[in-house]
Amino acid sequence: MKARILVIEDNEQNLYMETFLLEKHGYEVVGARDGREGLELASRIEPALIVLDIQLPAMDGHEVARRFKQQPETSDIPIVAVTSYAMNKDREQILASGCEGYIEKPINPASFASELERYLPASAAPNGHEP
């Protein structure tokens, strides 16, 4: 069974690229274009991982991550932020909001999927193998 990853990204080009790279590595990807849509989808689709843009319209990624961690049905899902903010204070804020990790933009297409696999449960890695 393919692991399902929820990608929350408002930029269509970034969403397309992230989806393409993850599907190429054997993941099922569901996309959301803002935080509200992502919050609604997550409880229905039960993703193994959430990839979250920090700069989202209406509700930023920090608030979205906090809400995921407050909801019992999504509190255990690992969240990885994708952000162009990479200063020390930004990293601290990302982790404090509930994200387990972050990847700096622009993403590296050659390593994006493998960077995310570190945050997946072993059973959710492609073919059920350890990442």
N, C-alpha and C. Protein backbone atom coordinates (compact mmCIF):
# COMPACT_ATOMS: atom_id res chain seq x y z
N MET A 1 0.84 -1.18 0.00
CA MET A 1 0.00 0.00 0.00
C MET A 1 0.88 1.25 0.00
N LYS A 2 0.56 2.19 -0.88
CA LYS A 2 1.33 3.42 -0.97
C LYS A 2 1.04 4.31 0.23
N ALA A 3 2.07 4.93 0.76
CA ALA A 3 1.87 5.92 1.82
C ALA A 3 1.25 7.16 1.21
N ARG A 4 0.33 7.75 1.94
CA ARG A 4 -0.35 8.96 1.49
C ARG A 4 0.30 10.17 2.15
N ILE A 5 0.64 11.17 1.34
CA ILE A 5 1.24 12.40 1.83
C ILE A 5 0.34 13.57 1.44
N LEU A 6 0.02 14.41 2.41
CA LEU A 6 -0.75 15.62 2.17
C LEU A 6 0.22 16.78 1.97
N VAL A 7 0.14 17.44 0.82
CA VAL A 7 0.98 18.60 0.53
C VAL A 7 0.09 19.84 0.54
N ILE A 8 0.40 20.78 1.44
CA ILE A 8 -0.36 22.02 1.53
C ILE A 8 0.52 23.13 0.99
N GLU A 9 0.16 23.63 -0.19
CA GLU A 9 1.00 24.59 -0.92
C GLU A 9 0.10 25.44 -1.80
N ASP A 10 0.18 26.77 -1.68
CA ASP A 10 -0.68 27.64 -2.47
C ASP A 10 -0.11 27.96 -3.85
N ASN A 11 1.18 27.77 -4.05
CA ASN A 11 1.80 28.05 -5.34
C ASN A 11 1.63 26.81 -6.24
N GLU A 12 0.93 26.99 -7.35
CA GLU A 12 0.62 25.85 -8.23
C GLU A 12 1.87 25.16 -8.76
N GLN A 13 2.89 25.92 -9.12
CA GLN A 13 4.11 25.31 -9.64
C GLN A 13 4.82 24.48 -8.57
N ASN A 14 4.88 25.00 -7.36
CA ASN A 14 5.51 24.25 -6.27
C ASN A 14 4.71 23.00 -5.94
N LEU A 15 3.38 23.13 -5.92
CA LEU A 15 2.53 21.97 -5.65
C LEU A 15 2.73 20.90 -6.71
N TYR A 16 2.78 21.31 -7.97
CA TYR A 16 2.99 20.36 -9.07
C TYR A 16 4.33 19.65 -8.92
N MET A 17 5.40 20.43 -8.66
CA MET A 17 6.74 19.84 -8.55
C MET A 17 6.81 18.87 -7.37
N GLU A 18 6.32 19.27 -6.20
CA GLU A 18 6.38 18.41 -5.02
C GLU A 18 5.56 17.13 -5.25
N THR A 19 4.39 17.28 -5.85
CA THR A 19 3.55 16.12 -6.15
C THR A 19 4.26 15.18 -7.11
N PHE A 20 4.81 15.72 -8.18
CA PHE A 20 5.52 14.92 -9.17
C PHE A 20 6.66 14.14 -8.53
N LEU A 21 7.48 14.82 -7.74
CA LEU A 21 8.65 14.17 -7.13
C LEU A 21 8.24 13.07 -6.16
N LEU A 22 7.19 13.30 -5.39
CA LEU A 22 6.76 12.29 -4.42
C LEU A 22 6.08 11.10 -5.11
N GLU A 23 5.26 11.37 -6.12
CA GLU A 23 4.62 10.27 -6.85
C GLU A 23 5.67 9.41 -7.57
N LYS A 24 6.71 10.05 -8.07
CA LYS A 24 7.80 9.34 -8.74
C LYS A 24 8.48 8.36 -7.78
N HIS A 25 8.46 8.66 -6.49
CA HIS A 25 9.06 7.80 -5.47
C HIS A 25 8.04 6.84 -4.84
N GLY A 26 6.85 6.74 -5.43
CA GLY A 26 5.90 5.73 -4.99
C GLY A 26 4.88 6.17 -3.96
N TYR A 27 4.75 7.46 -3.72
CA TYR A 27 3.78 7.94 -2.74
C TYR A 27 2.49 8.37 -3.42
N GLU A 28 1.40 8.26 -2.70
CA GLU A 28 0.13 8.84 -3.13
C GLU A 28 0.10 10.24 -2.54
N VAL A 29 -0.17 11.25 -3.37
CA VAL A 29 -0.14 12.63 -2.91
C VAL A 29 -1.52 13.26 -3.06
N VAL A 30 -1.95 13.94 -2.01
CA VAL A 30 -3.17 14.73 -2.04
C VAL A 30 -2.76 16.17 -1.79
N GLY A 31 -3.21 17.08 -2.65
CA GLY A 31 -2.82 18.47 -2.53
C GLY A 31 -3.93 19.34 -1.97
N ALA A 32 -3.53 20.34 -1.20
CA ALA A 32 -4.45 21.36 -0.68
C ALA A 32 -3.81 22.71 -0.98
N ARG A 33 -4.63 23.69 -1.31
CA ARG A 33 -4.10 24.98 -1.71
C ARG A 33 -4.09 26.04 -0.61
N ASP A 34 -4.64 25.69 0.55
CA ASP A 34 -4.56 26.60 1.69
C ASP A 34 -4.72 25.79 2.98
N GLY A 35 -4.48 26.45 4.10
CA GLY A 35 -4.51 25.76 5.38
C GLY A 35 -5.86 25.19 5.74
N ARG A 36 -6.91 25.93 5.46
CA ARG A 36 -8.26 25.46 5.79
C ARG A 36 -8.58 24.16 5.04
N GLU A 37 -8.28 24.14 3.75
CA GLU A 37 -8.51 22.93 2.95
C GLU A 37 -7.66 21.77 3.48
N GLY A 38 -6.42 22.06 3.84
CA GLY A 38 -5.54 21.02 4.38
C GLY A 38 -6.06 20.44 5.68
N LEU A 39 -6.56 21.30 6.57
CA LEU A 39 -7.11 20.83 7.84
C LEU A 39 -8.33 19.94 7.62
N GLU A 40 -9.18 20.32 6.67
CA GLU A 40 -10.37 19.51 6.37
C GLU A 40 -9.99 18.16 5.76
N LEU A 41 -9.03 18.17 4.84
CA LEU A 41 -8.63 16.93 4.16
C LEU A 41 -7.94 15.95 5.09
N ALA A 42 -7.10 16.44 5.97
CA ALA A 42 -6.25 15.56 6.78
C ALA A 42 -7.05 14.57 7.61
N SER A 43 -8.14 15.00 8.20
CA SER A 43 -8.91 14.08 9.04
C SER A 43 -9.64 13.03 8.20
N ARG A 44 -9.90 13.34 6.93
CA ARG A 44 -10.58 12.38 6.05
C ARG A 44 -9.63 11.38 5.40
N ILE A 45 -8.46 11.86 4.98
CA ILE A 45 -7.57 11.00 4.19
C ILE A 45 -6.50 10.29 5.02
N GLU A 46 -6.31 10.70 6.27
CA GLU A 46 -5.35 10.08 7.18
C GLU A 46 -3.96 9.93 6.54
N PRO A 47 -3.29 11.05 6.25
CA PRO A 47 -1.97 10.95 5.63
C PRO A 47 -0.91 10.44 6.61
N ALA A 48 0.14 9.84 6.06
CA ALA A 48 1.27 9.40 6.87
C ALA A 48 2.19 10.57 7.19
N LEU A 49 2.11 11.64 6.38
CA LEU A 49 2.98 12.81 6.52
C LEU A 49 2.28 14.02 5.93
N ILE A 50 2.54 15.19 6.52
CA ILE A 50 2.03 16.45 5.99
C ILE A 50 3.22 17.32 5.61
N VAL A 51 3.23 17.79 4.36
CA VAL A 51 4.24 18.72 3.88
C VAL A 51 3.55 20.08 3.81
N LEU A 52 4.07 21.05 4.56
CA LEU A 52 3.35 22.30 4.80
C LEU A 52 4.16 23.52 4.41
N ASP A 53 3.64 24.30 3.47
CA ASP A 53 4.24 25.59 3.15
C ASP A 53 3.97 26.53 4.32
N ILE A 54 4.91 27.35 4.69
CA ILE A 54 4.72 28.29 5.80
C ILE A 54 4.00 29.55 5.35
N GLN A 55 4.29 30.02 4.13
CA GLN A 55 3.66 31.24 3.63
C GLN A 55 2.38 30.90 2.89
N LEU A 56 1.28 30.81 3.62
CA LEU A 56 -0.02 30.50 3.03
C LEU A 56 -0.95 31.70 3.20
N PRO A 57 -1.92 31.85 2.29
CA PRO A 57 -2.89 32.94 2.45
C PRO A 57 -3.87 32.64 3.59
N ALA A 58 -4.40 33.68 4.16
CA ALA A 58 -5.43 33.62 5.22
C ALA A 58 -4.90 33.08 6.54
N MET A 59 -4.39 31.86 6.56
CA MET A 59 -3.88 31.24 7.78
C MET A 59 -2.47 30.72 7.47
N ASP A 60 -1.46 31.27 8.15
CA ASP A 60 -0.10 30.85 7.82
C ASP A 60 0.21 29.44 8.31
N GLY A 61 1.31 28.89 7.83
CA GLY A 61 1.68 27.52 8.14
C GLY A 61 1.89 27.26 9.62
N HIS A 62 2.34 28.27 10.37
CA HIS A 62 2.52 28.09 11.81
C HIS A 62 1.19 27.78 12.49
N GLU A 63 0.17 28.56 12.12
CA GLU A 63 -1.17 28.35 12.70
C GLU A 63 -1.74 27.01 12.26
N VAL A 64 -1.54 26.65 11.00
CA VAL A 64 -2.03 25.36 10.50
C VAL A 64 -1.39 24.22 11.29
N ALA A 65 -0.07 24.28 11.49
CA ALA A 65 0.63 23.23 12.25
C ALA A 65 0.09 23.14 13.67
N ARG A 66 -0.11 24.29 14.32
CA ARG A 66 -0.65 24.28 15.69
C ARG A 66 -2.02 23.60 15.73
N ARG A 67 -2.86 23.91 14.75
CA ARG A 67 -4.20 23.30 14.73
C ARG A 67 -4.14 21.79 14.50
N PHE A 68 -3.24 21.35 13.62
CA PHE A 68 -3.07 19.91 13.43
C PHE A 68 -2.71 19.23 14.74
N LYS A 69 -1.80 19.83 15.49
CA LYS A 69 -1.32 19.22 16.74
C LYS A 69 -2.37 19.29 17.85
N GLN A 70 -3.36 20.18 17.74
CA GLN A 70 -4.42 20.29 18.74
C GLN A 70 -5.55 19.30 18.50
N GLN A 71 -5.68 18.80 17.28
CA GLN A 71 -6.77 17.87 16.95
C GLN A 71 -6.32 16.44 17.19
N PRO A 72 -7.07 15.69 17.99
CA PRO A 72 -6.66 14.31 18.31
C PRO A 72 -6.44 13.44 17.07
N GLU A 73 -7.24 13.61 16.03
CA GLU A 73 -7.12 12.74 14.85
C GLU A 73 -5.90 13.07 13.99
N THR A 74 -5.28 14.23 14.19
CA THR A 74 -4.11 14.60 13.38
C THR A 74 -2.87 14.90 14.21
N SER A 75 -2.98 14.83 15.51
CA SER A 75 -1.87 15.26 16.38
C SER A 75 -0.61 14.41 16.24
N ASP A 76 -0.74 13.16 15.82
CA ASP A 76 0.43 12.28 15.70
C ASP A 76 1.04 12.25 14.31
N ILE A 77 0.45 12.95 13.36
CA ILE A 77 0.97 12.95 11.99
C ILE A 77 2.19 13.88 11.92
N PRO A 78 3.34 13.38 11.45
CA PRO A 78 4.50 14.26 11.33
C PRO A 78 4.27 15.36 10.29
N ILE A 79 4.76 16.55 10.60
CA ILE A 79 4.63 17.70 9.71
C ILE A 79 6.03 18.20 9.37
N VAL A 80 6.27 18.39 8.08
CA VAL A 80 7.54 18.97 7.62
C VAL A 80 7.21 20.27 6.89
N ALA A 81 7.76 21.37 7.38
CA ALA A 81 7.56 22.66 6.75
C ALA A 81 8.49 22.80 5.55
N VAL A 82 7.99 23.46 4.52
CA VAL A 82 8.81 23.81 3.37
C VAL A 82 8.80 25.33 3.34
N THR A 83 9.97 25.93 3.48
CA THR A 83 10.01 27.38 3.67
C THR A 83 11.27 28.03 3.11
N SER A 84 11.12 29.28 2.74
CA SER A 84 12.29 30.06 2.34
C SER A 84 12.88 30.77 3.56
N TYR A 85 12.20 30.68 4.70
CA TYR A 85 12.71 31.26 5.95
C TYR A 85 13.62 30.25 6.61
N ALA A 86 14.90 30.59 6.74
CA ALA A 86 15.83 29.61 7.30
C ALA A 86 16.78 30.20 8.34
N MET A 87 16.45 31.35 8.87
CA MET A 87 17.26 31.93 9.94
C MET A 87 16.98 31.15 11.22
N ASN A 88 17.88 31.25 12.20
CA ASN A 88 17.72 30.49 13.45
C ASN A 88 16.37 30.74 14.11
N LYS A 89 15.95 32.01 14.20
CA LYS A 89 14.67 32.31 14.85
C LYS A 89 13.50 31.71 14.05
N ASP A 90 13.63 31.66 12.73
CA ASP A 90 12.59 31.05 11.90
C ASP A 90 12.51 29.55 12.17
N ARG A 91 13.65 28.89 12.25
CA ARG A 91 13.69 27.45 12.54
C ARG A 91 13.03 27.16 13.88
N GLU A 92 13.38 27.96 14.88
CA GLU A 92 12.81 27.77 16.21
C GLU A 92 11.30 27.93 16.19
N GLN A 93 10.81 28.94 15.46
CA GLN A 93 9.37 29.18 15.38
C GLN A 93 8.67 28.03 14.65
N ILE A 94 9.30 27.51 13.60
CA ILE A 94 8.72 26.39 12.86
C ILE A 94 8.59 25.17 13.77
N LEU A 95 9.64 24.84 14.49
CA LEU A 95 9.61 23.68 15.38
C LEU A 95 8.65 23.90 16.54
N ALA A 96 8.59 25.13 17.07
CA ALA A 96 7.70 25.43 18.19
C ALA A 96 6.23 25.35 17.78
N SER A 97 5.93 25.56 16.51
CA SER A 97 4.54 25.50 16.06
C SER A 97 4.04 24.06 15.91
N GLY A 98 4.95 23.08 15.98
CA GLY A 98 4.54 21.68 15.92
C GLY A 98 5.14 20.89 14.78
N CYS A 99 5.93 21.52 13.94
CA CYS A 99 6.56 20.80 12.84
C CYS A 99 7.73 19.97 13.36
N GLU A 100 7.87 18.77 12.83
CA GLU A 100 8.99 17.91 13.21
C GLU A 100 10.28 18.29 12.50
N GLY A 101 10.15 18.98 11.39
CA GLY A 101 11.33 19.37 10.63
C GLY A 101 10.96 20.37 9.56
N TYR A 102 11.94 20.75 8.76
CA TYR A 102 11.70 21.68 7.68
C TYR A 102 12.70 21.45 6.56
N ILE A 103 12.31 21.86 5.37
CA ILE A 103 13.15 21.81 4.19
C ILE A 103 13.16 23.22 3.61
N GLU A 104 14.34 23.70 3.29
CA GLU A 104 14.47 25.06 2.75
C GLU A 104 14.10 25.10 1.27
N LYS A 105 13.42 26.18 0.87
CA LYS A 105 13.18 26.47 -0.53
C LYS A 105 14.36 27.26 -1.06
N PRO A 106 14.71 27.10 -2.31
CA PRO A 106 14.09 26.19 -3.27
C PRO A 106 14.47 24.75 -2.95
N ILE A 107 13.52 23.85 -3.16
CA ILE A 107 13.78 22.45 -2.87
C ILE A 107 14.76 21.88 -3.88
N ASN A 108 15.47 20.84 -3.47
CA ASN A 108 16.39 20.13 -4.36
C ASN A 108 15.63 18.92 -4.91
N PRO A 109 15.29 18.91 -6.19
CA PRO A 109 14.53 17.79 -6.74
C PRO A 109 15.20 16.43 -6.55
N ALA A 110 16.52 16.40 -6.53
CA ALA A 110 17.24 15.13 -6.39
C ALA A 110 17.12 14.53 -5.00
N SER A 111 16.90 15.36 -3.99
CA SER A 111 16.88 14.84 -2.61
C SER A 111 15.57 15.08 -1.86
N PHE A 112 14.60 15.74 -2.47
CA PHE A 112 13.36 16.11 -1.77
C PHE A 112 12.66 14.92 -1.13
N ALA A 113 12.39 13.88 -1.90
CA ALA A 113 11.67 12.71 -1.36
C ALA A 113 12.47 12.03 -0.25
N SER A 114 13.76 11.87 -0.44
CA SER A 114 14.56 11.20 0.58
C SER A 114 14.66 12.04 1.85
N GLU A 115 14.66 13.37 1.73
CA GLU A 115 14.65 14.22 2.92
C GLU A 115 13.36 14.01 3.71
N LEU A 116 12.24 13.87 3.02
CA LEU A 116 10.96 13.68 3.70
C LEU A 116 10.84 12.29 4.31
N GLU A 117 11.45 11.29 3.70
CA GLU A 117 11.35 9.91 4.20
C GLU A 117 11.86 9.76 5.62
N ARG A 118 12.76 10.64 6.04
CA ARG A 118 13.27 10.58 7.42
C ARG A 118 12.16 10.78 8.45
N TYR A 119 11.08 11.44 8.05
CA TYR A 119 9.99 11.76 8.98
C TYR A 119 8.83 10.78 8.91
N LEU A 120 8.87 9.87 7.95
CA LEU A 120 7.80 8.88 7.81
C LEU A 120 8.00 7.71 8.77
N PRO A 121 6.90 7.15 9.29
CA PRO A 121 7.04 5.90 10.03
C PRO A 121 7.61 4.84 9.09
N ALA A 122 8.38 3.90 9.61
CA ALA A 122 9.02 2.87 8.78
C ALA A 122 8.00 2.14 7.91
N SER A 123 6.82 1.88 8.44
CA SER A 123 5.80 1.15 7.68
C SER A 123 5.25 1.96 6.51
N ALA A 124 5.48 3.28 6.49
CA ALA A 124 4.95 4.12 5.43
C ALA A 124 5.96 4.40 4.32
N ALA A 125 7.20 3.98 4.51
CA ALA A 125 8.21 4.17 3.47
C ALA A 125 7.83 3.32 2.26
N PRO A 126 8.31 3.68 1.06
CA PRO A 126 7.95 2.89 -0.12
C PRO A 126 8.23 1.40 0.09
N ASN A 127 7.28 0.58 -0.23
CA ASN A 127 7.38 -0.88 -0.10
C ASN A 127 7.56 -1.33 1.35
N GLY A 128 7.27 -0.46 2.32
CA GLY A 128 7.35 -0.83 3.72
C GLY A 128 8.76 -0.98 4.25
N HIS A 129 9.76 -0.49 3.52
CA HIS A 129 11.15 -0.59 3.96
C HIS A 129 11.53 0.60 4.80
N GLU A 130 12.55 0.42 5.61
CA GLU A 130 13.08 1.53 6.41
C GLU A 130 13.62 2.58 5.44
N PRO A 131 13.43 3.88 5.73
CA PRO A 131 13.98 4.92 4.85
C PRO A 131 15.49 4.96 4.92
